[in-house]
Amino acid sequence: MITFDWKGVLPAVTTKFTDNDELDFEAFDINLNAQLEAGVDGFILGGSLGEASVLSDDEKFALLAHTVEFVKGTVPVILNIAEQTTKAAVAYAQKAFDKGADGLMLLPPMRYNSEARETVAYLTTIAKSTQLPIMIYNNPVDYKIEVTLDMFEELAAYDNIQAVKESTRDVSNVTRMINRFGDRYKIFTGVDPLAMESLVMGADGWVAGLVDAFPKETVAIYRLVKAKRYDEALAIYRWFLPVLELDIHPKLVQYIKLAEVATGIGTENVRAPRLPLIGAEREKVQKIINDALAARPELPVGSWGKLTEVAL
């Protein structure tokens, strides 16, 4: 089984498109490089922020192969699985391994509100089919299926189910998981405007969205919290919160891509049926981003950067 440390900041990267609606690897590389320079700890491809629902399988695996080649083993590359059938998910997991993925992020079945027994069967069937380590994405707010503590008890029998992206929006769930399972599962906060609260409560990492536009600030908050430099982390977090709240809107893709443009590491192109922002909505989001840029804080020395170059 492939192994790596489930910790740190894992960007849920956006997918870049050209004006002709093709994958834009040049723009994608600019963003990946900015993330690596900031000191992120891995990448998650093909999530909801990555517009997975409108990507073909060929495009998803092209992104995977490209990213694996780009990082050259320096950080893990994790591919999201969000399939409608168990059979398709198993095939997807096997191909992900063949294409060089280091791990998987796994959602419950899509488009079917499965009961607990069905959800566990789906997740465990995939786990048994692959040697890749797995993060369970627990997001009942957006995907209507909750992976409960009792379900995690059953999943604990599978060694490669190792982490959870905690997106229930109940910060107390971090403590519930730790109380029930100790360090059996690595816990990642998956909701940007609850990130610092979750990290303080013991989350091991942050699957982040606005990191795609503000990588250094995101990494700084994580590292400062882990160094127990809470006041410094909180100052950045309070500045960041209005922008982080863009992560919990149905148009988070458009909002975050607009922020990427503002910081010079992305493009605004989205794939239909999504459309670029217009009118009052665009002005409102742009003002949030501009206000943040106008007051962008100076980050503490050593709070971001490649781990080989910094020390807190």
Protein backbone atom coordinates (compact mmCIF):
# COMPACT_ATOMS: atom_id res chain seq x y z
CA MET A 1 0.00 0.00 0.00
CA ILE A 2 1.20 3.50 -0.85
CA THR A 3 1.84 5.54 2.29
CA PHE A 4 2.26 9.24 3.03
CA ASP A 5 1.47 11.56 5.91
CA TRP A 6 -2.10 12.82 5.87
CA LYS A 7 -1.48 16.32 7.18
CA GLY A 8 -1.06 19.91 6.14
CA VAL A 9 -2.77 21.98 3.48
CA LEU A 10 -4.21 20.12 0.50
CA PRO A 11 -5.61 22.46 -2.17
CA ALA A 12 -8.75 21.31 -3.94
CA VAL A 13 -7.46 22.74 -7.18
CA THR A 14 -9.57 24.40 -9.83
CA THR A 15 -9.49 23.12 -13.39
CA LYS A 16 -8.26 25.67 -15.90
CA PHE A 17 -9.91 26.03 -19.32
CA THR A 18 -8.85 27.87 -22.45
CA ASP A 19 -11.16 30.29 -24.25
CA ASN A 20 -12.00 27.32 -26.52
CA ASP A 21 -13.10 25.18 -23.54
CA GLU A 22 -10.10 22.88 -23.59
CA LEU A 23 -7.90 22.04 -20.62
CA ASP A 24 -5.43 24.88 -20.07
CA PHE A 25 -2.32 23.21 -18.73
CA GLU A 26 -0.23 26.37 -18.97
CA ALA A 27 -2.53 28.24 -16.57
CA PHE A 28 -2.85 25.12 -14.43
CA ASP A 29 0.93 24.94 -14.01
CA ILE A 30 1.14 28.58 -12.94
CA ASN A 31 -1.26 27.83 -10.12
CA LEU A 32 0.41 24.56 -9.11
CA ASN A 33 3.77 26.30 -8.95
CA ALA A 34 2.38 29.09 -6.75
CA GLN A 35 0.94 26.46 -4.41
CA LEU A 36 4.22 24.57 -4.19
CA GLU A 37 6.17 27.76 -3.54
CA ALA A 38 3.77 28.54 -0.69
CA GLY A 39 4.45 25.13 0.82
CA VAL A 40 1.27 23.13 0.33
CA ASP A 41 1.42 19.46 1.23
CA GLY A 42 -0.33 17.84 -1.75
CA PHE A 43 -3.04 18.33 -4.36
CA ILE A 44 -6.61 17.07 -4.74
CA LEU A 45 -7.86 16.88 -8.31
CA GLY A 46 -11.35 16.51 -9.69
CA GLY A 47 -13.37 17.70 -6.72
CA SER A 48 -16.46 19.87 -6.90
CA LEU A 49 -14.23 22.95 -7.03
CA GLY A 50 -12.38 21.25 -9.88
CA GLU A 51 -15.66 21.08 -11.85
CA ALA A 52 -15.52 17.29 -11.86
CA SER A 53 -19.16 16.97 -12.90
CA VAL A 54 -18.43 18.51 -16.30
CA LEU A 55 -15.10 16.81 -16.98
CA SER A 56 -14.82 13.70 -19.11
CA ASP A 57 -12.95 10.72 -17.70
CA ASP A 58 -10.21 11.34 -20.26
CA GLU A 59 -9.83 14.90 -19.02
CA LYS A 60 -9.68 13.83 -15.37
CA PHE A 61 -6.95 11.30 -16.05
CA ALA A 62 -5.09 13.78 -18.27
CA LEU A 63 -5.06 16.19 -15.33
CA LEU A 64 -3.85 13.41 -13.06
CA ALA A 65 -1.03 12.32 -15.36
CA HIS A 66 0.03 15.92 -15.90
CA THR A 67 0.06 16.75 -12.18
CA VAL A 68 1.97 13.59 -11.26
CA GLU A 69 4.61 14.52 -13.81
CA PHE A 70 4.66 18.13 -12.65
CA VAL A 71 5.25 17.43 -8.95
CA LYS A 72 7.65 14.51 -9.58
CA GLY A 73 6.93 12.86 -6.25
CA THR A 74 7.52 15.94 -4.09
CA VAL A 75 3.94 15.92 -2.75
CA PRO A 76 1.09 13.40 -3.02
CA VAL A 77 -1.50 13.76 -5.77
CA ILE A 78 -4.99 12.67 -4.73
CA LEU A 79 -7.84 12.06 -7.16
CA ASN A 80 -11.49 12.54 -6.21
CA ILE A 81 -14.02 9.79 -6.93
CA ALA A 82 -17.65 10.89 -7.32
CA GLU A 83 -19.40 8.18 -9.30
CA GLN A 84 -22.98 7.00 -9.57
CA THR A 85 -22.26 3.26 -9.51
CA THR A 86 -20.00 1.03 -7.46
CA LYS A 87 -18.73 -0.64 -10.61
CA ALA A 88 -17.68 2.68 -12.15
CA ALA A 89 -16.03 3.81 -8.92
CA VAL A 90 -13.98 0.60 -8.68
CA ALA A 91 -12.83 0.97 -12.27
CA TYR A 92 -11.98 4.61 -11.61
CA ALA A 93 -9.91 3.70 -8.53
CA GLN A 94 -7.99 1.07 -10.47
CA LYS A 95 -7.23 3.47 -13.31
CA ALA A 96 -6.18 6.16 -10.83
CA PHE A 97 -3.57 3.77 -9.46
CA ASP A 98 -2.36 2.90 -12.95
CA LYS A 99 -2.00 6.61 -13.80
CA GLY A 100 0.11 7.34 -10.73
CA ALA A 101 -2.29 8.72 -8.12
CA ASP A 102 -0.99 8.58 -4.56
CA GLY A 103 -4.43 8.49 -2.95
CA LEU A 104 -8.16 8.91 -3.40
CA MET A 105 -10.80 11.20 -1.97
CA LEU A 106 -14.05 9.27 -1.94
CA LEU A 107 -17.60 10.55 -1.89
CA PRO A 108 -20.67 8.40 -1.15
CA PRO A 109 -22.75 7.46 -4.21
CA MET A 110 -23.88 10.39 -6.31
CA ARG A 111 -27.49 10.98 -7.37
CA TYR A 112 -28.82 8.31 -5.01
CA ASN A 113 -29.57 8.93 -1.35
CA SER A 114 -28.16 5.64 -0.12
CA GLU A 115 -28.96 4.32 3.34
CA ALA A 116 -26.18 3.56 5.83
CA ARG A 117 -25.82 -0.09 4.81
CA GLU A 118 -25.57 0.82 1.13
CA THR A 119 -23.15 3.67 1.77
CA VAL A 120 -20.81 1.47 3.79
CA ALA A 121 -20.98 -1.27 1.16
CA TYR A 122 -20.12 1.24 -1.57
CA LEU A 123 -17.15 2.69 0.32
CA THR A 124 -15.75 -0.65 1.46
CA THR A 125 -16.08 -2.28 -1.95
CA ILE A 126 -13.91 0.48 -3.40
CA ALA A 127 -11.45 0.23 -0.51
CA LYS A 128 -11.07 -3.51 -1.09
CA SER A 129 -10.42 -2.95 -4.79
CA THR A 130 -7.36 -0.72 -4.41
CA GLN A 131 -4.13 -0.35 -2.46
CA LEU A 132 -4.42 3.43 -2.61
CA PRO A 133 -5.00 5.25 0.70
CA ILE A 134 -8.43 6.84 0.95
CA MET A 135 -9.91 9.99 2.43
CA ILE A 136 -13.67 9.83 2.98
CA TYR A 137 -15.41 13.07 2.02
CA ASN A 138 -18.15 13.61 4.60
CA ASN A 139 -20.37 16.43 3.33
CA PRO A 140 -24.05 15.85 4.10
CA VAL A 141 -24.86 19.54 3.54
CA ASP A 142 -24.10 19.44 -0.18
CA TYR A 143 -24.38 15.72 -0.96
CA LYS A 144 -27.20 14.71 1.44
CA ILE A 145 -25.48 11.60 2.81
CA GLU A 146 -23.75 11.67 6.19
CA VAL A 147 -21.05 9.19 7.11
CA THR A 148 -21.85 8.79 10.80
CA LEU A 149 -19.57 7.77 13.65
CA ASP A 150 -21.09 4.30 13.63
CA MET A 151 -20.34 4.01 9.93
CA PHE A 152 -16.74 5.09 10.54
CA GLU A 153 -16.59 2.30 13.11
CA GLU A 154 -17.28 -0.20 10.32
CA LEU A 155 -14.88 1.53 7.92
CA ALA A 156 -12.07 1.31 10.48
CA ALA A 157 -11.59 -2.37 9.55
CA TYR A 158 -10.05 -1.24 6.24
CA ASP A 159 -6.46 -0.10 6.66
CA ASN A 160 -6.42 2.02 3.54
CA ILE A 161 -9.37 4.15 4.71
CA GLN A 162 -7.17 6.58 6.57
CA ALA A 163 -8.60 10.09 6.58
CA VAL A 164 -11.78 12.12 6.50
CA LYS A 165 -12.57 15.46 4.93
CA GLU A 166 -14.86 16.80 7.66
CA SER A 167 -17.43 19.03 5.97
CA THR A 168 -20.50 18.49 8.15
CA ARG A 169 -20.17 22.15 9.21
CA ASP A 170 -20.35 21.00 12.83
CA VAL A 171 -16.96 21.81 14.35
CA SER A 172 -17.78 19.58 17.32
CA ASN A 173 -17.56 16.61 14.98
CA VAL A 174 -13.76 16.95 15.06
CA THR A 175 -13.86 16.27 18.80
CA ARG A 176 -16.40 13.47 18.39
CA MET A 177 -14.13 11.72 15.91
CA ILE A 178 -11.10 12.08 18.18
CA ASN A 179 -13.03 10.94 21.25
CA ARG A 180 -14.34 7.87 19.44
CA PHE A 181 -11.33 6.87 17.33
CA GLY A 182 -8.25 8.59 18.75
CA ASP A 183 -5.75 8.93 15.92
CA ARG A 184 -7.22 6.12 13.79
CA TYR A 185 -8.39 8.66 11.22
CA LYS A 186 -6.58 11.79 10.11
CA ILE A 187 -9.09 14.63 10.13
CA PHE A 188 -9.09 17.43 7.57
CA THR A 189 -11.30 20.45 7.84
CA GLY A 190 -13.12 20.86 4.53
CA VAL A 191 -15.00 24.14 5.08
CA ASP A 192 -12.83 27.23 4.65
CA PRO A 193 -14.71 29.56 7.06
CA LEU A 194 -14.52 26.92 9.81
CA ALA A 195 -10.90 26.01 9.19
CA MET A 196 -9.09 27.65 12.08
CA GLU A 197 -11.74 26.53 14.56
CA SER A 198 -11.35 22.95 13.35
CA LEU A 199 -7.56 23.07 13.42
CA VAL A 200 -7.56 24.39 16.97
CA MET A 201 -9.86 21.52 17.95
CA GLY A 202 -7.35 19.02 16.62
CA ALA A 203 -7.84 18.60 12.88
CA ASP A 204 -4.67 17.34 11.20
CA GLY A 205 -5.03 19.29 7.99
CA TRP A 206 -7.07 21.53 5.73
CA VAL A 207 -8.59 20.64 2.36
CA ALA A 208 -8.76 24.23 1.18
CA GLY A 209 -10.50 26.19 -1.55
CA LEU A 210 -9.35 29.81 -1.32
CA VAL A 211 -5.80 28.49 -1.14
CA ASP A 212 -6.13 28.44 -4.93
CA ALA A 213 -5.96 32.26 -4.86
CA PHE A 214 -4.19 32.88 -1.54
CA PRO A 215 -1.79 29.97 -0.99
CA LYS A 216 0.69 31.68 1.33
CA GLU A 217 -1.97 32.97 3.70
CA THR A 218 -3.64 29.57 3.89
CA VAL A 219 -0.40 27.77 4.65
CA ALA A 220 0.54 30.43 7.21
CA ILE A 221 -2.68 29.96 9.18
CA TYR A 222 -2.21 26.20 9.26
CA ARG A 223 1.42 26.32 10.33
CA LEU A 224 0.91 29.01 12.95
CA VAL A 225 -1.96 27.09 14.54
CA LYS A 226 0.12 23.92 14.64
CA ALA A 227 2.94 25.93 16.25
CA LYS A 228 0.40 27.20 18.83
CA ARG A 229 0.97 30.77 17.69
CA TYR A 230 -2.75 31.36 17.85
CA ASP A 231 -2.80 35.16 18.02
CA GLU A 232 -0.76 35.45 14.83
CA ALA A 233 -2.92 32.88 13.07
CA LEU A 234 -6.10 34.59 14.23
CA ALA A 235 -5.04 37.97 12.89
CA ILE A 236 -4.63 36.47 9.42
CA TYR A 237 -7.81 34.41 9.72
CA ARG A 238 -9.96 37.39 10.67
CA TRP A 239 -8.64 39.31 7.69
CA PHE A 240 -9.24 36.26 5.47
CA LEU A 241 -12.74 35.30 6.65
CA PRO A 242 -14.84 37.43 4.23
CA VAL A 243 -12.93 35.81 1.35
CA LEU A 244 -13.09 32.32 2.88
CA GLU A 245 -16.88 32.61 2.99
CA LEU A 246 -16.88 32.57 -0.81
CA ASP A 247 -16.15 28.82 -0.43
CA ILE A 248 -19.65 27.98 0.86
CA HIS A 249 -21.73 29.41 -1.98
CA PRO A 250 -23.19 27.37 -4.87
CA LYS A 251 -21.06 29.51 -7.20
CA LEU A 252 -17.84 28.84 -5.29
CA VAL A 253 -16.12 27.87 -8.56
CA GLN A 254 -16.81 31.23 -10.20
CA TYR A 255 -16.03 33.13 -6.98
CA ILE A 256 -12.71 31.41 -6.36
CA LYS A 257 -11.65 31.65 -9.98
CA LEU A 258 -12.33 35.40 -9.86
CA ALA A 259 -10.05 35.57 -6.82
CA GLU A 260 -7.38 33.60 -8.70
CA VAL A 261 -7.46 36.22 -11.45
CA ALA A 262 -7.09 39.00 -8.88
CA THR A 263 -3.97 37.41 -7.41
CA GLY A 264 -2.50 36.58 -10.81
CA ILE A 265 -2.48 32.78 -10.58
CA GLY A 266 -5.60 31.72 -12.47
CA THR A 267 -8.18 32.40 -15.12
CA GLU A 268 -11.89 33.04 -14.96
CA ASN A 269 -12.93 30.50 -17.59
CA VAL A 270 -15.54 28.00 -16.41
CA ARG A 271 -17.32 25.25 -18.27
CA ALA A 272 -21.03 25.56 -19.10
CA PRO A 273 -23.58 25.29 -17.65
CA ARG A 274 -21.57 27.54 -15.32
CA LEU A 275 -21.15 31.05 -16.66
CA PRO A 276 -18.84 33.88 -15.57
CA LEU A 277 -20.24 36.31 -13.03
CA ILE A 278 -21.98 39.47 -14.21
CA GLY A 279 -23.68 42.55 -12.83
CA ALA A 280 -24.25 43.26 -9.15
CA GLU A 281 -23.15 39.78 -8.09
CA ARG A 282 -19.80 40.19 -9.80
CA GLU A 283 -19.33 43.63 -8.29
CA LYS A 284 -20.10 42.31 -4.80
CA VAL A 285 -17.62 39.43 -5.03
CA GLN A 286 -14.97 41.61 -6.66
CA LYS A 287 -15.31 44.13 -3.81
CA ILE A 288 -14.75 41.40 -1.20
CA ILE A 289 -11.60 40.33 -3.04
CA ASN A 290 -10.36 43.90 -3.62
CA ASP A 291 -10.93 44.85 0.01
CA ALA A 292 -8.88 41.85 1.10
CA LEU A 293 -6.05 42.70 -1.30
CA ALA A 294 -5.99 46.30 -0.10
CA ALA A 295 -5.44 45.13 3.49
CA ARG A 296 -3.37 42.02 2.76
CA PRO A 297 -1.33 41.29 5.88
CA GLU A 298 2.38 40.79 6.15
CA LEU A 299 2.93 37.16 7.04
CA PRO A 300 5.26 36.10 9.85
CA VAL A 301 8.69 35.00 8.69
CA GLY A 302 8.82 31.23 8.23
CA SER A 303 5.04 30.75 8.23
CA TRP A 304 4.97 29.69 4.59
CA GLY A 305 7.32 28.25 2.01
CA LYS A 306 8.78 24.90 1.13
CA LEU A 307 9.35 22.86 4.26
CA THR A 308 13.01 22.40 3.42
CA GLU A 309 13.43 26.18 3.53
CA VAL A 310 11.49 27.25 6.64
CA ALA A 311 11.15 26.40 10.28
CA LEU A 312 8.64 27.71 12.80
